[in-house]
Amino acid sequence: MPGDDQELLEFLAVMRRLRAECPWKAEQTHRSLARYLLEETHETLEAIDTGASTGDWEHLREELGDLLLQVFFHAAIAEQDGAFTTGDVARDISAKMRRRNPHVFGDLADPTLDARAVNELWEARKAEEKHRGSVTDGIPPGLPGLLLADKVLDRLERSGAPAPTDPGDPDLGERLLALVAEARREGVDPEQALRDAVRRRLP
C-alpha cells in the first residue's frame, strides 16, 4: 500500500527517539537483546501455527510487529554506534533478493521453472556468493535439532552424499536422522510436522 512506506519511516523515527531518550532502551546492546529476538521468533512461530489452525491471523500481525521491533531496535543501535544504518540493511537485502532471483529480476526468466527449480537456482547463487570451504559451512550449530538435521542433510545431498535410510538402526539419534531424511524425500518439513503433531495432542 502507498502509505505503508511512511508508516515504516514513522516507526523508525519512534525507535530512534526511544533509543535516545528512554533509559532502558539506551543501555541495551545487541547481546542484551538477543534473548528477546529469540523469544519473539518463537512467539511468531506459535502465531503462525495458530493462524493456520483457526484462520485468524490477528495474532500473527501483532507478533510480526514485535519481531519488526527487534529488527529496528538492532538497526537503531548500529546507527548510533556508527556501524551501519537501517538503509544499509534494506539496501543489502534488496540487492541479495535481486541477485538470488534472476528468474524475476535477471536474464533467466523461464515460465517453466517450478518451485523446486527456483530453490535450486537460489542455492546455486548462494553457494557462488559464500565461497564455502565445506558443504556445512554457514549452518548455525545452535539450530534446533530437527532443523539442524534438515539443513545438514540438504547440504550433504547437494554434495552427492547418501542420505541415512535405516529407521531401524539401534542408535536413537540415527533413527531420528533417518526419519528426517524420510521427511525430506516426501517433501515434508520435519520441524513443522513435529510441531503439528504436538499441537494435536494439546488439550
N, C-alpha and C. Protein backbone atom coordinates (compact mmCIF):
# COMPACT_ATOMS: atom_id res chain seq x y z
N MET A 1 0.84 -1.19 0.00
CA MET A 1 0.00 0.00 0.00
C MET A 1 0.88 1.25 0.00
N PRO A 2 0.46 2.31 -0.69
CA PRO A 2 1.28 3.52 -0.78
C PRO A 2 1.66 4.12 0.56
N GLY A 3 0.74 4.06 1.55
CA GLY A 3 1.04 4.68 2.83
C GLY A 3 1.94 3.87 3.73
N ASP A 4 2.19 2.60 3.35
CA ASP A 4 2.98 1.73 4.21
C ASP A 4 4.42 2.22 4.36
N ASP A 5 4.99 2.78 3.30
CA ASP A 5 6.36 3.28 3.38
C ASP A 5 6.48 4.34 4.47
N GLN A 6 5.50 5.23 4.53
CA GLN A 6 5.51 6.29 5.54
C GLN A 6 5.37 5.71 6.94
N GLU A 7 4.56 4.67 7.08
CA GLU A 7 4.39 4.03 8.39
C GLU A 7 5.72 3.44 8.87
N LEU A 8 6.48 2.85 7.96
CA LEU A 8 7.76 2.27 8.34
C LEU A 8 8.75 3.36 8.74
N LEU A 9 8.73 4.46 8.02
CA LEU A 9 9.61 5.58 8.36
C LEU A 9 9.24 6.16 9.73
N GLU A 10 7.94 6.23 10.01
CA GLU A 10 7.49 6.75 11.30
C GLU A 10 7.94 5.82 12.43
N PHE A 11 7.82 4.52 12.20
CA PHE A 11 8.25 3.56 13.22
C PHE A 11 9.76 3.65 13.45
N LEU A 12 10.51 3.84 12.38
CA LEU A 12 11.96 4.01 12.51
C LEU A 12 12.27 5.24 13.35
N ALA A 13 11.53 6.33 13.12
CA ALA A 13 11.73 7.55 13.92
C ALA A 13 11.40 7.30 15.38
N VAL A 14 10.35 6.51 15.63
CA VAL A 14 9.97 6.17 17.00
C VAL A 14 11.11 5.43 17.69
N MET A 15 11.69 4.44 17.01
CA MET A 15 12.76 3.65 17.61
C MET A 15 14.01 4.49 17.84
N ARG A 16 14.33 5.38 16.92
CA ARG A 16 15.49 6.25 17.12
C ARG A 16 15.29 7.16 18.33
N ARG A 17 14.08 7.68 18.50
CA ARG A 17 13.82 8.55 19.64
C ARG A 17 13.87 7.77 20.95
N LEU A 18 13.29 6.56 20.95
CA LEU A 18 13.33 5.74 22.15
C LEU A 18 14.76 5.38 22.52
N ARG A 19 15.56 5.09 21.52
CA ARG A 19 16.96 4.76 21.77
C ARG A 19 17.69 5.95 22.41
N ALA A 20 17.31 7.15 22.01
CA ALA A 20 17.98 8.35 22.51
C ALA A 20 17.44 8.83 23.85
N GLU A 21 16.14 8.60 24.12
CA GLU A 21 15.51 9.23 25.29
C GLU A 21 15.03 8.26 26.37
N CYS A 22 14.90 6.99 26.07
CA CYS A 22 14.44 6.02 27.07
C CYS A 22 15.66 5.38 27.74
N PRO A 23 15.81 5.53 29.07
CA PRO A 23 16.99 5.00 29.75
C PRO A 23 17.20 3.50 29.54
N TRP A 24 16.13 2.72 29.63
CA TRP A 24 16.30 1.27 29.46
C TRP A 24 16.76 0.94 28.05
N LYS A 25 16.12 1.53 27.06
CA LYS A 25 16.47 1.23 25.67
C LYS A 25 17.86 1.77 25.31
N ALA A 26 18.24 2.87 25.95
CA ALA A 26 19.54 3.46 25.66
C ALA A 26 20.69 2.57 26.11
N GLU A 27 20.45 1.74 27.13
CA GLU A 27 21.56 0.93 27.65
C GLU A 27 21.62 -0.47 27.05
N GLN A 28 20.68 -0.79 26.17
CA GLN A 28 20.68 -2.12 25.56
C GLN A 28 21.78 -2.25 24.50
N THR A 29 22.22 -3.49 24.32
CA THR A 29 23.22 -3.81 23.30
C THR A 29 22.66 -4.94 22.42
N HIS A 30 23.38 -5.23 21.35
CA HIS A 30 22.95 -6.35 20.50
C HIS A 30 22.87 -7.64 21.34
N ARG A 31 23.85 -7.84 22.20
CA ARG A 31 23.88 -9.07 23.00
C ARG A 31 22.76 -9.10 24.04
N SER A 32 22.48 -7.98 24.67
CA SER A 32 21.42 -7.98 25.69
C SER A 32 20.04 -8.19 25.08
N LEU A 33 19.89 -7.85 23.81
CA LEU A 33 18.60 -8.01 23.14
C LEU A 33 18.44 -9.38 22.48
N ALA A 34 19.51 -10.16 22.45
CA ALA A 34 19.47 -11.44 21.72
C ALA A 34 18.35 -12.34 22.24
N ARG A 35 18.16 -12.39 23.56
CA ARG A 35 17.13 -13.27 24.13
C ARG A 35 15.74 -12.86 23.68
N TYR A 36 15.53 -11.56 23.53
CA TYR A 36 14.20 -11.09 23.11
C TYR A 36 13.94 -11.43 21.63
N LEU A 37 14.98 -11.37 20.84
CA LEU A 37 14.84 -11.75 19.43
C LEU A 37 14.44 -13.22 19.33
N LEU A 38 15.08 -14.04 20.14
CA LEU A 38 14.75 -15.47 20.13
C LEU A 38 13.32 -15.70 20.61
N GLU A 39 12.93 -15.03 21.71
CA GLU A 39 11.58 -15.18 22.25
C GLU A 39 10.52 -14.75 21.23
N GLU A 40 10.76 -13.59 20.60
CA GLU A 40 9.78 -13.08 19.63
C GLU A 40 9.69 -13.98 18.41
N THR A 41 10.80 -14.59 18.03
CA THR A 41 10.78 -15.52 16.90
C THR A 41 9.90 -16.72 17.21
N HIS A 42 10.05 -17.27 18.41
CA HIS A 42 9.23 -18.42 18.79
C HIS A 42 7.76 -18.04 18.94
N GLU A 43 7.49 -16.85 19.44
CA GLU A 43 6.11 -16.40 19.55
C GLU A 43 5.49 -16.19 18.16
N THR A 44 6.31 -15.75 17.21
CA THR A 44 5.82 -15.60 15.84
C THR A 44 5.49 -16.96 15.24
N LEU A 45 6.34 -17.96 15.50
CA LEU A 45 6.07 -19.31 15.01
C LEU A 45 4.77 -19.85 15.59
N GLU A 46 4.54 -19.58 16.86
CA GLU A 46 3.30 -20.02 17.50
C GLU A 46 2.09 -19.34 16.87
N ALA A 47 2.25 -18.05 16.54
CA ALA A 47 1.15 -17.31 15.91
C ALA A 47 0.85 -17.87 14.52
N ILE A 48 1.88 -18.32 13.82
CA ILE A 48 1.67 -18.94 12.51
C ILE A 48 0.88 -20.23 12.66
N ASP A 49 1.26 -21.06 13.63
CA ASP A 49 0.53 -22.31 13.87
C ASP A 49 -0.93 -22.02 14.23
N THR A 50 -1.14 -21.02 15.09
CA THR A 50 -2.50 -20.67 15.50
C THR A 50 -3.32 -20.18 14.31
N GLY A 51 -2.72 -19.32 13.50
CA GLY A 51 -3.42 -18.82 12.32
C GLY A 51 -3.78 -19.91 11.33
N ALA A 52 -2.84 -20.86 11.16
CA ALA A 52 -3.08 -21.95 10.22
C ALA A 52 -4.23 -22.85 10.69
N SER A 53 -4.37 -23.00 12.00
CA SER A 53 -5.42 -23.89 12.53
C SER A 53 -6.76 -23.20 12.72
N THR A 54 -6.76 -21.87 12.91
CA THR A 54 -8.01 -21.16 13.18
C THR A 54 -8.44 -20.23 12.05
N GLY A 55 -7.51 -19.84 11.19
CA GLY A 55 -7.83 -18.88 10.14
C GLY A 55 -7.81 -17.44 10.63
N ASP A 56 -7.49 -17.24 11.90
CA ASP A 56 -7.40 -15.89 12.48
C ASP A 56 -5.94 -15.48 12.53
N TRP A 57 -5.59 -14.46 11.74
CA TRP A 57 -4.19 -14.06 11.62
C TRP A 57 -3.87 -12.78 12.40
N GLU A 58 -4.77 -12.33 13.25
CA GLU A 58 -4.51 -11.11 14.02
C GLU A 58 -3.33 -11.28 14.98
N HIS A 59 -3.22 -12.47 15.55
CA HIS A 59 -2.10 -12.73 16.45
C HIS A 59 -0.77 -12.63 15.70
N LEU A 60 -0.74 -13.14 14.48
CA LEU A 60 0.48 -13.05 13.67
C LEU A 60 0.81 -11.60 13.36
N ARG A 61 -0.22 -10.82 13.08
CA ARG A 61 0.01 -9.39 12.81
C ARG A 61 0.72 -8.73 14.00
N GLU A 62 0.25 -9.05 15.21
CA GLU A 62 0.86 -8.49 16.41
C GLU A 62 2.30 -8.97 16.59
N GLU A 63 2.51 -10.28 16.40
CA GLU A 63 3.85 -10.83 16.61
C GLU A 63 4.84 -10.36 15.56
N LEU A 64 4.38 -10.16 14.34
CA LEU A 64 5.28 -9.61 13.31
C LEU A 64 5.71 -8.20 13.69
N GLY A 65 4.80 -7.46 14.33
CA GLY A 65 5.17 -6.13 14.82
C GLY A 65 6.26 -6.21 15.88
N ASP A 66 6.13 -7.18 16.79
CA ASP A 66 7.14 -7.36 17.83
C ASP A 66 8.48 -7.79 17.22
N LEU A 67 8.41 -8.60 16.18
CA LEU A 67 9.63 -9.03 15.50
C LEU A 67 10.28 -7.86 14.77
N LEU A 68 9.44 -7.04 14.13
CA LEU A 68 9.94 -5.85 13.45
C LEU A 68 10.59 -4.89 14.44
N LEU A 69 10.02 -4.81 15.63
CA LEU A 69 10.61 -4.00 16.69
C LEU A 69 12.05 -4.43 16.96
N GLN A 70 12.27 -5.72 17.04
CA GLN A 70 13.62 -6.21 17.29
C GLN A 70 14.58 -5.83 16.16
N VAL A 71 14.13 -5.97 14.93
CA VAL A 71 14.97 -5.62 13.78
C VAL A 71 15.33 -4.14 13.81
N PHE A 72 14.34 -3.29 14.02
CA PHE A 72 14.59 -1.85 14.03
C PHE A 72 15.39 -1.43 15.27
N PHE A 73 15.22 -2.14 16.38
CA PHE A 73 15.97 -1.84 17.59
C PHE A 73 17.47 -2.09 17.34
N HIS A 74 17.77 -3.25 16.78
CA HIS A 74 19.17 -3.57 16.47
C HIS A 74 19.75 -2.57 15.46
N ALA A 75 18.95 -2.20 14.49
CA ALA A 75 19.42 -1.24 13.49
C ALA A 75 19.67 0.13 14.13
N ALA A 76 18.80 0.54 15.07
CA ALA A 76 18.98 1.83 15.74
C ALA A 76 20.26 1.84 16.57
N ILE A 77 20.57 0.71 17.21
CA ILE A 77 21.82 0.60 17.97
C ILE A 77 23.02 0.72 17.03
N ALA A 78 22.95 0.01 15.92
CA ALA A 78 24.05 0.04 14.96
C ALA A 78 24.25 1.45 14.38
N GLU A 79 23.15 2.15 14.12
CA GLU A 79 23.25 3.52 13.63
C GLU A 79 23.95 4.41 14.66
N GLN A 80 23.54 4.28 15.90
CA GLN A 80 24.12 5.10 16.96
C GLN A 80 25.61 4.79 17.14
N ASP A 81 25.99 3.53 16.95
CA ASP A 81 27.39 3.13 17.08
C ASP A 81 28.21 3.45 15.84
N GLY A 82 27.54 3.85 14.77
CA GLY A 82 28.25 4.15 13.54
C GLY A 82 28.65 2.92 12.74
N ALA A 83 28.02 1.78 13.04
CA ALA A 83 28.37 0.53 12.35
C ALA A 83 27.70 0.43 10.98
N PHE A 84 26.39 0.65 10.95
CA PHE A 84 25.64 0.65 9.70
C PHE A 84 24.28 1.28 9.97
N THR A 85 23.53 1.56 8.92
CA THR A 85 22.22 2.20 9.07
C THR A 85 21.11 1.23 8.68
N THR A 86 19.90 1.63 9.03
CA THR A 86 18.74 0.84 8.61
C THR A 86 18.67 0.79 7.09
N GLY A 87 19.01 1.89 6.46
CA GLY A 87 19.04 1.91 4.99
C GLY A 87 20.03 0.92 4.43
N ASP A 88 21.18 0.76 5.10
CA ASP A 88 22.17 -0.23 4.65
C ASP A 88 21.58 -1.64 4.70
N VAL A 89 20.85 -1.93 5.79
CA VAL A 89 20.24 -3.24 5.94
C VAL A 89 19.24 -3.50 4.80
N ALA A 90 18.37 -2.52 4.55
CA ALA A 90 17.37 -2.67 3.50
C ALA A 90 18.02 -2.77 2.12
N ARG A 91 19.06 -1.97 1.90
CA ARG A 91 19.75 -1.97 0.61
C ARG A 91 20.41 -3.31 0.35
N ASP A 92 21.05 -3.86 1.40
CA ASP A 92 21.74 -5.14 1.24
C ASP A 92 20.76 -6.27 0.94
N ILE A 93 19.63 -6.31 1.67
CA ILE A 93 18.71 -7.42 1.44
C ILE A 93 17.99 -7.28 0.10
N SER A 94 17.75 -6.04 -0.34
CA SER A 94 17.15 -5.84 -1.67
C SER A 94 18.10 -6.33 -2.76
N ALA A 95 19.38 -6.01 -2.61
CA ALA A 95 20.37 -6.45 -3.59
C ALA A 95 20.49 -7.97 -3.60
N LYS A 96 20.43 -8.56 -2.41
CA LYS A 96 20.52 -10.03 -2.32
C LYS A 96 19.32 -10.68 -3.01
N MET A 97 18.12 -10.14 -2.80
CA MET A 97 16.94 -10.71 -3.43
C MET A 97 17.02 -10.61 -4.94
N ARG A 98 17.59 -9.54 -5.45
CA ARG A 98 17.73 -9.39 -6.89
C ARG A 98 18.76 -10.37 -7.45
N ARG A 99 19.87 -10.56 -6.73
CA ARG A 99 20.90 -11.49 -7.19
C ARG A 99 20.40 -12.92 -7.19
N ARG A 100 19.69 -13.29 -6.14
CA ARG A 100 19.31 -14.69 -5.97
C ARG A 100 17.99 -15.06 -6.64
N ASN A 101 17.35 -14.09 -7.27
CA ASN A 101 16.12 -14.37 -8.02
C ASN A 101 16.26 -13.87 -9.45
N PRO A 102 17.25 -14.41 -10.18
CA PRO A 102 17.46 -13.95 -11.56
C PRO A 102 16.29 -14.30 -12.48
N HIS A 103 15.46 -15.25 -12.06
CA HIS A 103 14.29 -15.61 -12.86
C HIS A 103 13.22 -14.52 -12.80
N VAL A 104 13.37 -13.60 -11.85
CA VAL A 104 12.43 -12.49 -11.71
C VAL A 104 13.11 -11.17 -12.12
N PHE A 105 14.32 -10.94 -11.61
CA PHE A 105 14.99 -9.66 -11.82
C PHE A 105 16.12 -9.71 -12.86
N GLY A 106 16.49 -10.91 -13.30
CA GLY A 106 17.63 -11.02 -14.19
C GLY A 106 17.28 -11.53 -15.57
N ASP A 107 18.23 -12.25 -16.15
CA ASP A 107 18.09 -12.69 -17.54
C ASP A 107 17.75 -14.17 -17.65
N LEU A 108 17.27 -14.75 -16.57
CA LEU A 108 16.95 -16.17 -16.59
C LEU A 108 15.44 -16.43 -16.52
N ALA A 109 14.67 -15.49 -17.00
CA ALA A 109 13.21 -15.64 -16.97
C ALA A 109 12.81 -16.91 -17.72
N ASP A 110 12.07 -17.79 -17.03
CA ASP A 110 11.66 -19.05 -17.63
C ASP A 110 10.33 -19.45 -17.01
N PRO A 111 9.23 -19.36 -17.76
CA PRO A 111 7.91 -19.68 -17.21
C PRO A 111 7.75 -21.14 -16.82
N THR A 112 8.69 -22.01 -17.24
CA THR A 112 8.57 -23.43 -16.92
C THR A 112 9.20 -23.77 -15.57
N LEU A 113 9.89 -22.82 -14.96
CA LEU A 113 10.53 -23.10 -13.66
C LEU A 113 9.47 -23.35 -12.59
N ASP A 114 9.63 -24.46 -11.86
CA ASP A 114 8.74 -24.71 -10.73
C ASP A 114 9.45 -24.30 -9.44
N ALA A 115 8.77 -24.47 -8.30
CA ALA A 115 9.33 -24.03 -7.03
C ALA A 115 10.65 -24.73 -6.71
N ARG A 116 10.75 -26.02 -7.04
CA ARG A 116 11.99 -26.76 -6.77
C ARG A 116 13.15 -26.21 -7.58
N ALA A 117 12.89 -25.93 -8.85
CA ALA A 117 13.94 -25.39 -9.71
C ALA A 117 14.38 -24.01 -9.24
N VAL A 118 13.42 -23.22 -8.78
CA VAL A 118 13.75 -21.89 -8.27
C VAL A 118 14.62 -22.00 -7.02
N ASN A 119 14.29 -22.97 -6.16
CA ASN A 119 15.09 -23.16 -4.95
C ASN A 119 16.52 -23.60 -5.30
N GLU A 120 16.65 -24.46 -6.30
CA GLU A 120 17.97 -24.89 -6.74
C GLU A 120 18.77 -23.70 -7.27
N LEU A 121 18.10 -22.82 -7.99
CA LEU A 121 18.74 -21.62 -8.52
C LEU A 121 19.22 -20.73 -7.39
N TRP A 122 18.37 -20.58 -6.37
CA TRP A 122 18.71 -19.78 -5.18
C TRP A 122 19.97 -20.34 -4.51
N GLU A 123 19.97 -21.66 -4.29
CA GLU A 123 21.09 -22.29 -3.60
C GLU A 123 22.38 -22.18 -4.41
N ALA A 124 22.26 -22.29 -5.74
CA ALA A 124 23.44 -22.16 -6.59
C ALA A 124 24.04 -20.76 -6.50
N ARG A 125 23.18 -19.74 -6.54
CA ARG A 125 23.66 -18.36 -6.41
C ARG A 125 24.27 -18.13 -5.02
N LYS A 126 23.63 -18.71 -4.01
CA LYS A 126 24.11 -18.55 -2.64
C LYS A 126 25.49 -19.17 -2.49
N ALA A 127 25.69 -20.35 -3.08
CA ALA A 127 26.99 -21.02 -3.00
C ALA A 127 28.07 -20.20 -3.68
N GLU A 128 27.72 -19.58 -4.81
CA GLU A 128 28.68 -18.73 -5.52
C GLU A 128 29.12 -17.55 -4.65
N GLU A 129 28.16 -16.97 -3.94
CA GLU A 129 28.45 -15.79 -3.12
C GLU A 129 29.27 -16.14 -1.88
N LYS A 130 28.98 -17.28 -1.26
CA LYS A 130 29.56 -17.60 0.04
C LYS A 130 30.98 -18.16 -0.04
N HIS A 131 31.33 -18.80 -1.17
CA HIS A 131 32.66 -19.41 -1.33
C HIS A 131 32.99 -20.31 -0.14
N ARG A 132 32.08 -21.21 0.18
CA ARG A 132 32.26 -22.06 1.35
C ARG A 132 33.32 -23.11 1.11
N GLY A 133 34.11 -23.39 2.16
CA GLY A 133 35.13 -24.42 2.08
C GLY A 133 34.59 -25.80 2.39
N SER A 134 33.42 -25.86 3.00
CA SER A 134 32.79 -27.12 3.37
C SER A 134 31.31 -27.02 3.07
N VAL A 135 30.69 -28.17 2.79
CA VAL A 135 29.26 -28.16 2.47
C VAL A 135 28.42 -27.75 3.66
N THR A 136 28.99 -27.86 4.87
CA THR A 136 28.23 -27.49 6.07
C THR A 136 28.60 -26.12 6.61
N ASP A 137 29.50 -25.40 5.93
CA ASP A 137 29.84 -24.04 6.38
C ASP A 137 28.60 -23.16 6.38
N GLY A 138 28.48 -22.35 7.41
CA GLY A 138 27.38 -21.39 7.47
C GLY A 138 26.12 -21.91 8.13
N ILE A 139 26.09 -23.17 8.54
CA ILE A 139 24.93 -23.71 9.25
C ILE A 139 25.13 -23.45 10.74
N PRO A 140 24.26 -22.65 11.36
CA PRO A 140 24.44 -22.36 12.80
C PRO A 140 24.30 -23.63 13.63
N PRO A 141 25.31 -23.99 14.42
CA PRO A 141 25.23 -25.22 15.21
C PRO A 141 24.18 -25.16 16.31
N GLY A 142 23.70 -23.97 16.65
CA GLY A 142 22.71 -23.83 17.71
C GLY A 142 21.28 -23.99 17.23
N LEU A 143 21.07 -24.36 15.97
CA LEU A 143 19.71 -24.58 15.48
C LEU A 143 19.04 -25.73 16.25
N PRO A 144 17.71 -25.70 16.37
CA PRO A 144 17.01 -26.85 16.96
C PRO A 144 17.38 -28.12 16.21
N GLY A 145 17.40 -29.25 16.91
CA GLY A 145 17.90 -30.49 16.35
C GLY A 145 17.31 -30.89 15.01
N LEU A 146 15.99 -30.86 14.89
CA LEU A 146 15.36 -31.27 13.62
C LEU A 146 15.74 -30.33 12.49
N LEU A 147 15.75 -29.04 12.76
CA LEU A 147 16.11 -28.08 11.73
C LEU A 147 17.57 -28.22 11.34
N LEU A 148 18.44 -28.46 12.33
CA LEU A 148 19.86 -28.68 12.06
C LEU A 148 20.05 -29.91 11.18
N ALA A 149 19.36 -30.99 11.53
CA ALA A 149 19.47 -32.22 10.74
C ALA A 149 18.99 -31.99 9.32
N ASP A 150 17.89 -31.28 9.16
CA ASP A 150 17.33 -30.99 7.83
C ASP A 150 18.33 -30.20 7.00
N LYS A 151 18.93 -29.17 7.60
CA LYS A 151 19.89 -28.33 6.89
C LYS A 151 21.13 -29.12 6.47
N VAL A 152 21.66 -29.92 7.41
CA VAL A 152 22.87 -30.69 7.11
C VAL A 152 22.59 -31.72 6.02
N LEU A 153 21.46 -32.43 6.12
CA LEU A 153 21.12 -33.41 5.10
C LEU A 153 20.96 -32.76 3.73
N ASP A 154 20.35 -31.57 3.72
CA ASP A 154 20.18 -30.85 2.46
C ASP A 154 21.54 -30.58 1.82
N ARG A 155 22.48 -30.07 2.62
CA ARG A 155 23.81 -29.77 2.09
C ARG A 155 24.53 -31.05 1.63
N LEU A 156 24.43 -32.09 2.44
CA LEU A 156 25.11 -33.34 2.08
C LEU A 156 24.54 -33.93 0.80
N GLU A 157 23.21 -33.86 0.66
CA GLU A 157 22.58 -34.39 -0.55
C GLU A 157 23.03 -33.61 -1.78
N ARG A 158 23.18 -32.30 -1.63
CA ARG A 158 23.64 -31.48 -2.75
C ARG A 158 25.07 -31.83 -3.16
N SER A 159 25.84 -32.33 -2.19
CA SER A 159 27.22 -32.70 -2.49
C SER A 159 27.33 -34.13 -3.02
N GLY A 160 26.20 -34.84 -3.05
CA GLY A 160 26.19 -36.21 -3.56
C GLY A 160 26.31 -37.28 -2.50
N ALA A 161 26.37 -36.90 -1.22
CA ALA A 161 26.48 -37.88 -0.14
C ALA A 161 25.14 -38.59 0.04
N PRO A 162 25.18 -39.90 0.33
CA PRO A 162 23.92 -40.63 0.52
C PRO A 162 23.23 -40.23 1.82
N ALA A 163 21.90 -40.23 1.78
CA ALA A 163 21.12 -39.89 2.98
C ALA A 163 20.92 -41.14 3.82
N PRO A 164 20.84 -41.00 5.15
CA PRO A 164 20.56 -42.16 6.01
C PRO A 164 19.17 -42.71 5.70
N THR A 165 19.06 -44.02 5.65
CA THR A 165 17.78 -44.62 5.25
C THR A 165 17.29 -45.70 6.19
N ASP A 166 18.00 -45.99 7.28
CA ASP A 166 17.63 -47.12 8.14
C ASP A 166 16.95 -46.65 9.41
N PRO A 167 15.59 -46.60 9.42
CA PRO A 167 14.88 -46.19 10.64
C PRO A 167 14.95 -47.25 11.73
N GLY A 168 15.53 -48.43 11.42
CA GLY A 168 15.64 -49.49 12.42
C GLY A 168 17.00 -49.54 13.09
N ASP A 169 17.84 -48.55 12.85
CA ASP A 169 19.16 -48.50 13.47
C ASP A 169 19.00 -48.51 14.99
N PRO A 170 19.85 -49.27 15.70
CA PRO A 170 19.71 -49.33 17.17
C PRO A 170 19.98 -48.00 17.87
N ASP A 171 20.72 -47.11 17.22
CA ASP A 171 21.00 -45.81 17.82
C ASP A 171 19.83 -44.87 17.58
N LEU A 172 19.27 -44.31 18.67
CA LEU A 172 18.09 -43.45 18.56
C LEU A 172 18.37 -42.24 17.68
N GLY A 173 19.55 -41.63 17.84
CA GLY A 173 19.90 -40.47 17.03
C GLY A 173 19.90 -40.79 15.54
N GLU A 174 20.44 -41.96 15.19
CA GLU A 174 20.47 -42.36 13.78
C GLU A 174 19.07 -42.61 13.25
N ARG A 175 18.19 -43.18 14.11
CA ARG A 175 16.81 -43.40 13.69
C ARG A 175 16.10 -42.07 13.44
N LEU A 176 16.35 -41.11 14.33
CA LEU A 176 15.75 -39.79 14.14
C LEU A 176 16.26 -39.15 12.85
N LEU A 177 17.56 -39.29 12.59
CA LEU A 177 18.13 -38.73 11.37
C LEU A 177 17.52 -39.37 10.13
N ALA A 178 17.29 -40.68 10.21
CA ALA A 178 16.65 -41.38 9.09
C ALA A 178 15.23 -40.88 8.87
N LEU A 179 14.52 -40.56 9.96
CA LEU A 179 13.16 -40.03 9.82
C LEU A 179 13.18 -38.64 9.19
N VAL A 180 14.19 -37.84 9.52
CA VAL A 180 14.32 -36.53 8.88
C VAL A 180 14.57 -36.71 7.38
N ALA A 181 15.42 -37.68 7.03
CA ALA A 181 15.68 -37.97 5.62
C ALA A 181 14.41 -38.43 4.91
N GLU A 182 13.60 -39.24 5.60
CA GLU A 182 12.32 -39.69 5.04
C GLU A 182 11.40 -38.50 4.80
N ALA A 183 11.35 -37.59 5.76
CA ALA A 183 10.51 -36.40 5.60
C ALA A 183 10.96 -35.58 4.40
N ARG A 184 12.28 -35.46 4.23
CA ARG A 184 12.79 -34.71 3.09
C ARG A 184 12.38 -35.35 1.77
N ARG A 185 12.45 -36.68 1.71
CA ARG A 185 12.06 -37.37 0.48
C ARG A 185 10.59 -37.14 0.15
N GLU A 186 9.78 -36.98 1.19
CA GLU A 186 8.34 -36.78 1.00
C GLU A 186 7.97 -35.31 0.88
N GLY A 187 8.97 -34.44 0.95
CA GLY A 187 8.70 -33.01 0.84
C GLY A 187 8.03 -32.43 2.06
N VAL A 188 8.29 -33.01 3.22
CA VAL A 188 7.68 -32.58 4.48
C VAL A 188 8.74 -31.87 5.33
N ASP A 189 8.36 -30.75 5.93
CA ASP A 189 9.23 -30.06 6.88
C ASP A 189 9.15 -30.81 8.21
N PRO A 190 10.23 -31.49 8.63
CA PRO A 190 10.14 -32.31 9.85
C PRO A 190 9.88 -31.49 11.11
N GLU A 191 10.44 -30.29 11.18
CA GLU A 191 10.21 -29.43 12.34
C GLU A 191 8.74 -29.08 12.47
N GLN A 192 8.13 -28.67 11.34
CA GLN A 192 6.72 -28.29 11.36
C GLN A 192 5.84 -29.51 11.59
N ALA A 193 6.22 -30.64 11.03
CA ALA A 193 5.43 -31.86 11.22
C ALA A 193 5.39 -32.25 12.70
N LEU A 194 6.51 -32.14 13.38
CA LEU A 194 6.54 -32.47 14.80
C LEU A 194 5.74 -31.46 15.61
N ARG A 195 5.87 -30.18 15.27
CA ARG A 195 5.10 -29.15 15.96
C ARG A 195 3.59 -29.41 15.81
N ASP A 196 3.19 -29.76 14.59
CA ASP A 196 1.77 -30.05 14.34
C ASP A 196 1.31 -31.25 15.16
N ALA A 197 2.15 -32.29 15.23
CA ALA A 197 1.77 -33.49 15.97
C ALA A 197 1.61 -33.17 17.46
N VAL A 198 2.51 -32.35 17.99
CA VAL A 198 2.42 -31.97 19.40
C VAL A 198 1.15 -31.16 19.66
N ARG A 199 0.86 -30.23 18.75
CA ARG A 199 -0.34 -29.39 18.92
C ARG A 199 -1.61 -30.24 18.90
N ARG A 200 -1.62 -31.30 18.09
CA ARG A 200 -2.83 -32.14 18.03
C ARG A 200 -3.09 -32.86 19.36
N ARG A 201 -2.07 -32.98 20.17
CA ARG A 201 -2.22 -33.67 21.44
C ARG A 201 -2.39 -32.74 22.63
N LEU A 202 -2.37 -31.45 22.37
CA LEU A 202 -2.58 -30.49 23.44
C LEU A 202 -4.06 -30.41 23.78
N PRO A 203 -4.41 -30.24 25.06
CA PRO A 203 -5.83 -30.16 25.43
C PRO A 203 -6.48 -28.88 24.88
